[in-house]
Amino acid sequence: MNKSIFTKNNEHLINWKSVLLLKHFLNRFGNIKMRKFTKLSVKYQKRVRKAIINSRELGLIPYIK
């Protein structure tokens, strides 16, 4: 089983303001990567997806590249 980069101690890092972290979960076209590539649990994948969507709405991350 692969370890997730998010744990109870640093799950607060998933935020719409942390653009550099969120760009790690986007592919080169700007789409959100699948769970099998990010190795995240369902809980954290949903949080990352929500943060990316919020960041896109505020204009911090482009919708497409």
PDB file of N, CA and C in Angstrom:
ATOM      1  N   MET A   1       0.844  -1.185   0.000  1.00  0.00           N
ATOM      2  CA  MET A   1       0.000   0.000   0.000  1.00  0.00           C
ATOM      3  C   MET A   1       0.883   1.240   0.000  1.00  0.00           C
ATOM      4  N   ASN A   2       0.587   2.161  -0.884  1.00  0.00           N
ATOM      5  CA  ASN A   2       1.377   3.371  -0.981  1.00  0.00           C
ATOM      6  C   ASN A   2       0.947   4.394   0.050  1.00  0.00           C
ATOM      7  N   LYS A   3       1.927   5.117   0.567  1.00  0.00           N
ATOM      8  CA  LYS A   3       1.649   6.168   1.533  1.00  0.00           C
ATOM      9  C   LYS A   3       1.223   7.430   0.800  1.00  0.00           C
ATOM     10  N   SER A   4       0.232   8.088   1.318  1.00  0.00           N
ATOM     11  CA  SER A   4      -0.220   9.344   0.753  1.00  0.00           C
ATOM     12  C   SER A   4       0.666  10.469   1.280  1.00  0.00           C
ATOM     13  N   ILE A   5       0.774  11.545   0.510  1.00  0.00           N
ATOM     14  CA  ILE A   5       1.582  12.663   0.983  1.00  0.00           C
ATOM     15  C   ILE A   5       0.828  13.480   2.023  1.00  0.00           C
ATOM     16  N   PHE A   6      -0.459  13.255   2.157  1.00  0.00           N
ATOM     17  CA  PHE A   6      -1.255  13.950   3.149  1.00  0.00           C
ATOM     18  C   PHE A   6      -1.565  13.006   4.302  1.00  0.00           C
ATOM     19  N   THR A   7      -1.393  13.496   5.493  1.00  0.00           N
ATOM     20  CA  THR A   7      -1.737  12.741   6.691  1.00  0.00           C
ATOM     21  C   THR A   7      -2.568  13.649   7.587  1.00  0.00           C
ATOM     22  N   LYS A   8      -2.877  13.172   8.756  1.00  0.00           N
ATOM     23  CA  LYS A   8      -3.640  13.987   9.702  1.00  0.00           C
ATOM     24  C   LYS A   8      -2.879  15.269  10.054  1.00  0.00           C
ATOM     25  N   ASN A   9      -1.550  15.198  10.072  1.00  0.00           N
ATOM     26  CA  ASN A   9      -0.751  16.354  10.478  1.00  0.00           C
ATOM     27  C   ASN A   9      -0.692  17.444   9.416  1.00  0.00           C
ATOM     28  N   ASN A  10      -0.678  17.086   8.140  1.00  0.00           N
ATOM     29  CA  ASN A  10      -0.512  18.108   7.113  1.00  0.00           C
ATOM     30  C   ASN A  10      -1.651  18.131   6.100  1.00  0.00           C
ATOM     31  N   GLU A  11      -2.853  17.714   6.513  1.00  0.00           N
ATOM     32  CA  GLU A  11      -3.979  17.781   5.594  1.00  0.00           C
ATOM     33  C   GLU A  11      -4.473  19.212   5.431  1.00  0.00           C
ATOM     34  N   HIS A  12      -4.033  20.114   6.281  1.00  0.00           N
ATOM     35  CA  HIS A  12      -4.412  21.526   6.144  1.00  0.00           C
ATOM     36  C   HIS A  12      -3.733  22.176   4.936  1.00  0.00           C
ATOM     37  N   LEU A  13      -2.777  21.500   4.324  1.00  0.00           N
ATOM     38  CA  LEU A  13      -2.090  22.038   3.156  1.00  0.00           C
ATOM     39  C   LEU A  13      -2.979  22.039   1.915  1.00  0.00           C
ATOM     40  N   ILE A  14      -4.039  21.230   1.920  1.00  0.00           N
ATOM     41  CA  ILE A  14      -4.956  21.195   0.779  1.00  0.00           C
ATOM     42  C   ILE A  14      -5.835  22.430   0.877  1.00  0.00           C
ATOM     43  N   ASN A  15      -5.496  23.430   0.095  1.00  0.00           N
ATOM     44  CA  ASN A  15      -6.187  24.704   0.161  1.00  0.00           C
ATOM     45  C   ASN A  15      -6.186  25.310  -1.229  1.00  0.00           C
ATOM     46  N   TRP A  16      -7.168  26.118  -1.536  1.00  0.00           N
ATOM     47  CA  TRP A  16      -7.234  26.733  -2.854  1.00  0.00           C
ATOM     48  C   TRP A  16      -6.129  27.748  -3.058  1.00  0.00           C
ATOM     49  N   LYS A  17      -5.494  28.196  -1.975  1.00  0.00           N
ATOM     50  CA  LYS A  17      -4.431  29.192  -2.078  1.00  0.00           C
ATOM     51  C   LYS A  17      -3.058  28.585  -2.373  1.00  0.00           C
ATOM     52  N   SER A  18      -2.893  27.293  -2.147  1.00  0.00           N
ATOM     53  CA  SER A  18      -1.604  26.650  -2.370  1.00  0.00           C
ATOM     54  C   SER A  18      -1.499  26.178  -3.818  1.00  0.00           C
ATOM     55  N   VAL A  19      -1.213  27.115  -4.697  1.00  0.00           N
ATOM     56  CA  VAL A  19      -1.231  26.868  -6.142  1.00  0.00           C
ATOM     57  C   VAL A  19      -0.116  25.908  -6.560  1.00  0.00           C
ATOM     58  N   LEU A  20       1.065  26.050  -5.991  1.00  0.00           N
ATOM     59  CA  LEU A  20       2.176  25.177  -6.384  1.00  0.00           C
ATOM     60  C   LEU A  20       1.893  23.721  -6.051  1.00  0.00           C
ATOM     61  N   LEU A  21       1.272  23.471  -4.919  1.00  0.00           N
ATOM     62  CA  LEU A  21       0.913  22.106  -4.549  1.00  0.00           C
ATOM     63  C   LEU A  21      -0.172  21.563  -5.472  1.00  0.00           C
ATOM     64  N   LEU A  22      -1.152  22.389  -5.799  1.00  0.00           N
ATOM     65  CA  LEU A  22      -2.259  21.923  -6.636  1.00  0.00           C
ATOM     66  C   LEU A  22      -1.815  21.659  -8.070  1.00  0.00           C
ATOM     67  N   LYS A  23      -0.822  22.396  -8.554  1.00  0.00           N
ATOM     68  CA  LYS A  23      -0.337  22.168  -9.914  1.00  0.00           C
ATOM     69  C   LYS A  23       0.338  20.801 -10.043  1.00  0.00           C
ATOM     70  N   HIS A  24       0.772  20.230  -8.928  1.00  0.00           N
ATOM     71  CA  HIS A  24       1.349  18.897  -8.934  1.00  0.00           C
ATOM     72  C   HIS A  24       0.310  17.843  -9.339  1.00  0.00           C
ATOM     73  N   PHE A  25      -0.960  18.138  -9.119  1.00  0.00           N
ATOM     74  CA  PHE A  25      -2.033  17.193  -9.406  1.00  0.00           C
ATOM     75  C   PHE A  25      -2.708  17.463 -10.739  1.00  0.00           C
ATOM     76  N   LEU A  26      -2.133  18.320 -11.566  1.00  0.00           N
ATOM     77  CA  LEU A  26      -2.649  18.600 -12.898  1.00  0.00           C
ATOM     78  C   LEU A  26      -1.700  18.019 -13.937  1.00  0.00           C
ATOM     79  N   ASN A  27      -2.259  17.541 -15.042  1.00  0.00           N
ATOM     80  CA  ASN A  27      -1.389  17.065 -16.113  1.00  0.00           C
ATOM     81  C   ASN A  27      -0.984  18.242 -16.998  1.00  0.00           C
ATOM     82  N   ARG A  28      -0.273  17.978 -18.058  1.00  0.00           N
ATOM     83  CA  ARG A  28       0.265  19.068 -18.868  1.00  0.00           C
ATOM     84  C   ARG A  28      -0.805  19.825 -19.643  1.00  0.00           C
ATOM     85  N   PHE A  29      -2.009  19.263 -19.741  1.00  0.00           N
ATOM     86  CA  PHE A  29      -3.107  19.941 -20.415  1.00  0.00           C
ATOM     87  C   PHE A  29      -4.006  20.702 -19.446  1.00  0.00           C
ATOM     88  N   GLY A  30      -3.760  20.567 -18.151  1.00  0.00           N
ATOM     89  CA  GLY A  30      -4.559  21.269 -17.153  1.00  0.00           C
ATOM     90  C   GLY A  30      -5.673  20.448 -16.554  1.00  0.00           C
ATOM     91  N   ASN A  31      -5.761  19.168 -16.905  1.00  0.00           N
ATOM     92  CA  ASN A  31      -6.783  18.294 -16.332  1.00  0.00           C
ATOM     93  C   ASN A  31      -6.298  17.729 -15.004  1.00  0.00           C
ATOM     94  N   ILE A  32      -7.239  17.377 -14.144  1.00  0.00           N
ATOM     95  CA  ILE A  32      -6.894  16.779 -12.851  1.00  0.00           C
ATOM     96  C   ILE A  32      -6.487  15.328 -13.082  1.00  0.00           C
ATOM     97  N   LYS A  33      -5.370  14.934 -12.485  1.00  0.00           N
ATOM     98  CA  LYS A  33      -4.883  13.561 -12.642  1.00  0.00           C
ATOM     99  C   LYS A  33      -5.793  12.580 -11.909  1.00  0.00           C
ATOM    100  N   MET A  34      -5.813  11.348 -12.394  1.00  0.00           N
ATOM    101  CA  MET A  34      -6.623  10.299 -11.786  1.00  0.00           C
ATOM    102  C   MET A  34      -5.966   9.799 -10.506  1.00  0.00           C
ATOM    103  N   ARG A  35      -6.771   9.122  -9.685  1.00  0.00           N
ATOM    104  CA  ARG A  35      -6.289   8.604  -8.408  1.00  0.00           C
ATOM    105  C   ARG A  35      -5.169   7.594  -8.570  1.00  0.00           C
ATOM    106  N   LYS A  36      -5.206   6.810  -9.623  1.00  0.00           N
ATOM    107  CA  LYS A  36      -4.170   5.787  -9.772  1.00  0.00           C
ATOM    108  C   LYS A  36      -2.804   6.404 -10.078  1.00  0.00           C
ATOM    109  N   PHE A  37      -2.792   7.646 -10.551  1.00  0.00           N
ATOM    110  CA  PHE A  37      -1.520   8.332 -10.791  1.00  0.00           C
ATOM    111  C   PHE A  37      -1.084   9.164  -9.595  1.00  0.00           C
ATOM    112  N   THR A  38      -2.030   9.721  -8.852  1.00  0.00           N
ATOM    113  CA  THR A  38      -1.662  10.565  -7.714  1.00  0.00           C
ATOM    114  C   THR A  38      -1.427   9.754  -6.451  1.00  0.00           C
ATOM    115  N   LYS A  39      -1.935   8.520  -6.398  1.00  0.00           N
ATOM    116  CA  LYS A  39      -1.794   7.634  -5.241  1.00  0.00           C
ATOM    117  C   LYS A  39      -2.436   8.210  -3.980  1.00  0.00           C
ATOM    118  N   LEU A  40      -3.517   8.981  -4.152  1.00  0.00           N
ATOM    119  CA  LEU A  40      -4.230   9.547  -3.020  1.00  0.00           C
ATOM    120  C   LEU A  40      -5.429   8.680  -2.670  1.00  0.00           C
ATOM    121  N   SER A  41      -5.858   8.779  -1.425  1.00  0.00           N
ATOM    122  CA  SER A  41      -7.089   8.089  -1.042  1.00  0.00           C
ATOM    123  C   SER A  41      -8.275   8.874  -1.590  1.00  0.00           C
ATOM    124  N   VAL A  42      -9.443   8.288  -1.503  1.00  0.00           N
ATOM    125  CA  VAL A  42     -10.647   8.938  -2.026  1.00  0.00           C
ATOM    126  C   VAL A  42     -10.898  10.253  -1.290  1.00  0.00           C
ATOM    127  N   LYS A  43     -10.690  10.242   0.004  1.00  0.00           N
ATOM    128  CA  LYS A  43     -10.920  11.427   0.833  1.00  0.00           C
ATOM    129  C   LYS A  43     -10.060  12.598   0.376  1.00  0.00           C
ATOM    130  N   TYR A  44      -8.770  12.363   0.188  1.00  0.00           N
ATOM    131  CA  TYR A  44      -7.865  13.442  -0.184  1.00  0.00           C
ATOM    132  C   TYR A  44      -7.983  13.809  -1.659  1.00  0.00           C
ATOM    133  N   GLN A  45      -8.332  12.855  -2.507  1.00  0.00           N
ATOM    134  CA  GLN A  45      -8.529  13.169  -3.913  1.00  0.00           C
ATOM    135  C   GLN A  45      -9.728  14.113  -4.080  1.00  0.00           C
ATOM    136  N   LYS A  46     -10.780  13.897  -3.315  1.00  0.00           N
ATOM    137  CA  LYS A  46     -11.943  14.783  -3.379  1.00  0.00           C
ATOM    138  C   LYS A  46     -11.600  16.174  -2.880  1.00  0.00           C
ATOM    139  N   ARG A  47     -10.786  16.244  -1.829  1.00  0.00           N
ATOM    140  CA  ARG A  47     -10.386  17.548  -1.302  1.00  0.00           C
ATOM    141  C   ARG A  47      -9.499  18.298  -2.288  1.00  0.00           C
ATOM    142  N   VAL A  48      -8.591  17.589  -2.930  1.00  0.00           N
ATOM    143  CA  VAL A  48      -7.721  18.218  -3.928  1.00  0.00           C
ATOM    144  C   VAL A  48      -8.556  18.699  -5.110  1.00  0.00           C
ATOM    145  N   ARG A  49      -9.492  17.890  -5.557  1.00  0.00           N
ATOM    146  CA  ARG A  49     -10.350  18.271  -6.679  1.00  0.00           C
ATOM    147  C   ARG A  49     -11.153  19.527  -6.349  1.00  0.00           C
ATOM    148  N   LYS A  50     -11.720  19.579  -5.151  1.00  0.00           N
ATOM    149  CA  LYS A  50     -12.497  20.738  -4.727  1.00  0.00           C
ATOM    150  C   LYS A  50     -11.618  21.984  -4.651  1.00  0.00           C
ATOM    151  N   ALA A  51     -10.397  21.839  -4.140  1.00  0.00           N
ATOM    152  CA  ALA A  51      -9.482  22.976  -4.036  1.00  0.00           C
ATOM    153  C   ALA A  51      -9.069  23.473  -5.420  1.00  0.00           C
ATOM    154  N   ILE A  52      -8.848  22.551  -6.357  1.00  0.00           N
ATOM    155  CA  ILE A  52      -8.482  22.953  -7.722  1.00  0.00           C
ATOM    156  C   ILE A  52      -9.636  23.697  -8.385  1.00  0.00           C
ATOM    157  N   ILE A  53     -10.854  23.219  -8.198  1.00  0.00           N
ATOM    158  CA  ILE A  53     -12.019  23.880  -8.789  1.00  0.00           C
ATOM    159  C   ILE A  53     -12.187  25.283  -8.205  1.00  0.00           C
ATOM    160  N   ASN A  54     -12.033  25.417  -6.885  1.00  0.00           N
ATOM    161  CA  ASN A  54     -12.137  26.737  -6.264  1.00  0.00           C
ATOM    162  C   ASN A  54     -11.045  27.673  -6.762  1.00  0.00           C
ATOM    163  N   SER A  55      -9.848  27.156  -6.906  1.00  0.00           N
ATOM    164  CA  SER A  55      -8.733  27.968  -7.378  1.00  0.00           C
ATOM    165  C   SER A  55      -8.934  28.400  -8.827  1.00  0.00           C
ATOM    166  N   ARG A  56      -9.522  27.536  -9.635  1.00  0.00           N
ATOM    167  CA  ARG A  56      -9.809  27.896 -11.025  1.00  0.00           C
ATOM    168  C   ARG A  56     -10.869  28.987 -11.103  1.00  0.00           C
ATOM    169  N   GLU A  57     -11.886  28.894 -10.259  1.00  0.00           N
ATOM    170  CA  GLU A  57     -12.943  29.897 -10.260  1.00  0.00           C
ATOM    171  C   GLU A  57     -12.418  31.274  -9.870  1.00  0.00           C
ATOM    172  N   LEU A  58     -11.414  31.302  -9.001  1.00  0.00           N
ATOM    173  CA  LEU A  58     -10.834  32.575  -8.561  1.00  0.00           C
ATOM    174  C   LEU A  58      -9.726  33.069  -9.499  1.00  0.00           C
ATOM    175  N   GLY A  59      -9.400  32.269 -10.498  1.00  0.00           N
ATOM    176  CA  GLY A  59      -8.432  32.705 -11.505  1.00  0.00           C
ATOM    177  C   GLY A  59      -6.974  32.456 -11.145  1.00  0.00           C
ATOM    178  N   LEU A  60      -6.703  31.638 -10.145  1.00  0.00           N
ATOM    179  CA  LEU A  60      -5.315  31.353  -9.781  1.00  0.00           C
ATOM    180  C   LEU A  60      -4.694  30.278 -10.660  1.00  0.00           C
ATOM    181  N   ILE A  61      -5.521  29.343 -11.127  1.00  0.00           N
ATOM    182  CA  ILE A  61      -5.071  28.268 -12.006  1.00  0.00           C
ATOM    183  C   ILE A  61      -5.905  28.357 -13.286  1.00  0.00           C
ATOM    184  N   PRO A  62      -5.290  28.288 -14.451  1.00  0.00           N
ATOM    185  CA  PRO A  62      -6.087  28.332 -15.682  1.00  0.00           C
ATOM    186  C   PRO A  62      -6.867  27.034 -15.890  1.00  0.00           C
ATOM    187  N   TYR A  63      -7.981  27.139 -16.605  1.00  0.00           N
ATOM    188  CA  TYR A  63      -8.787  25.954 -16.886  1.00  0.00           C
ATOM    189  C   TYR A  63      -8.071  25.027 -17.873  1.00  0.00           C
ATOM    190  N   ILE A  64      -7.466  25.587 -18.905  1.00  0.00           N
ATOM    191  CA  ILE A  64      -6.710  24.799 -19.862  1.00  0.00           C
ATOM    192  C   ILE A  64      -5.394  25.503 -20.135  1.00  0.00           C
ATOM    193  N   LYS A  65      -4.441  24.738 -20.639  1.00  0.00           N
ATOM    194  CA  LYS A  65      -3.134  25.337 -20.956  1.00  0.00           C
ATOM    195  C   LYS A  65      -2.995  25.502 -22.439  1.00  0.00           C
TER     196      LYS A  65
END
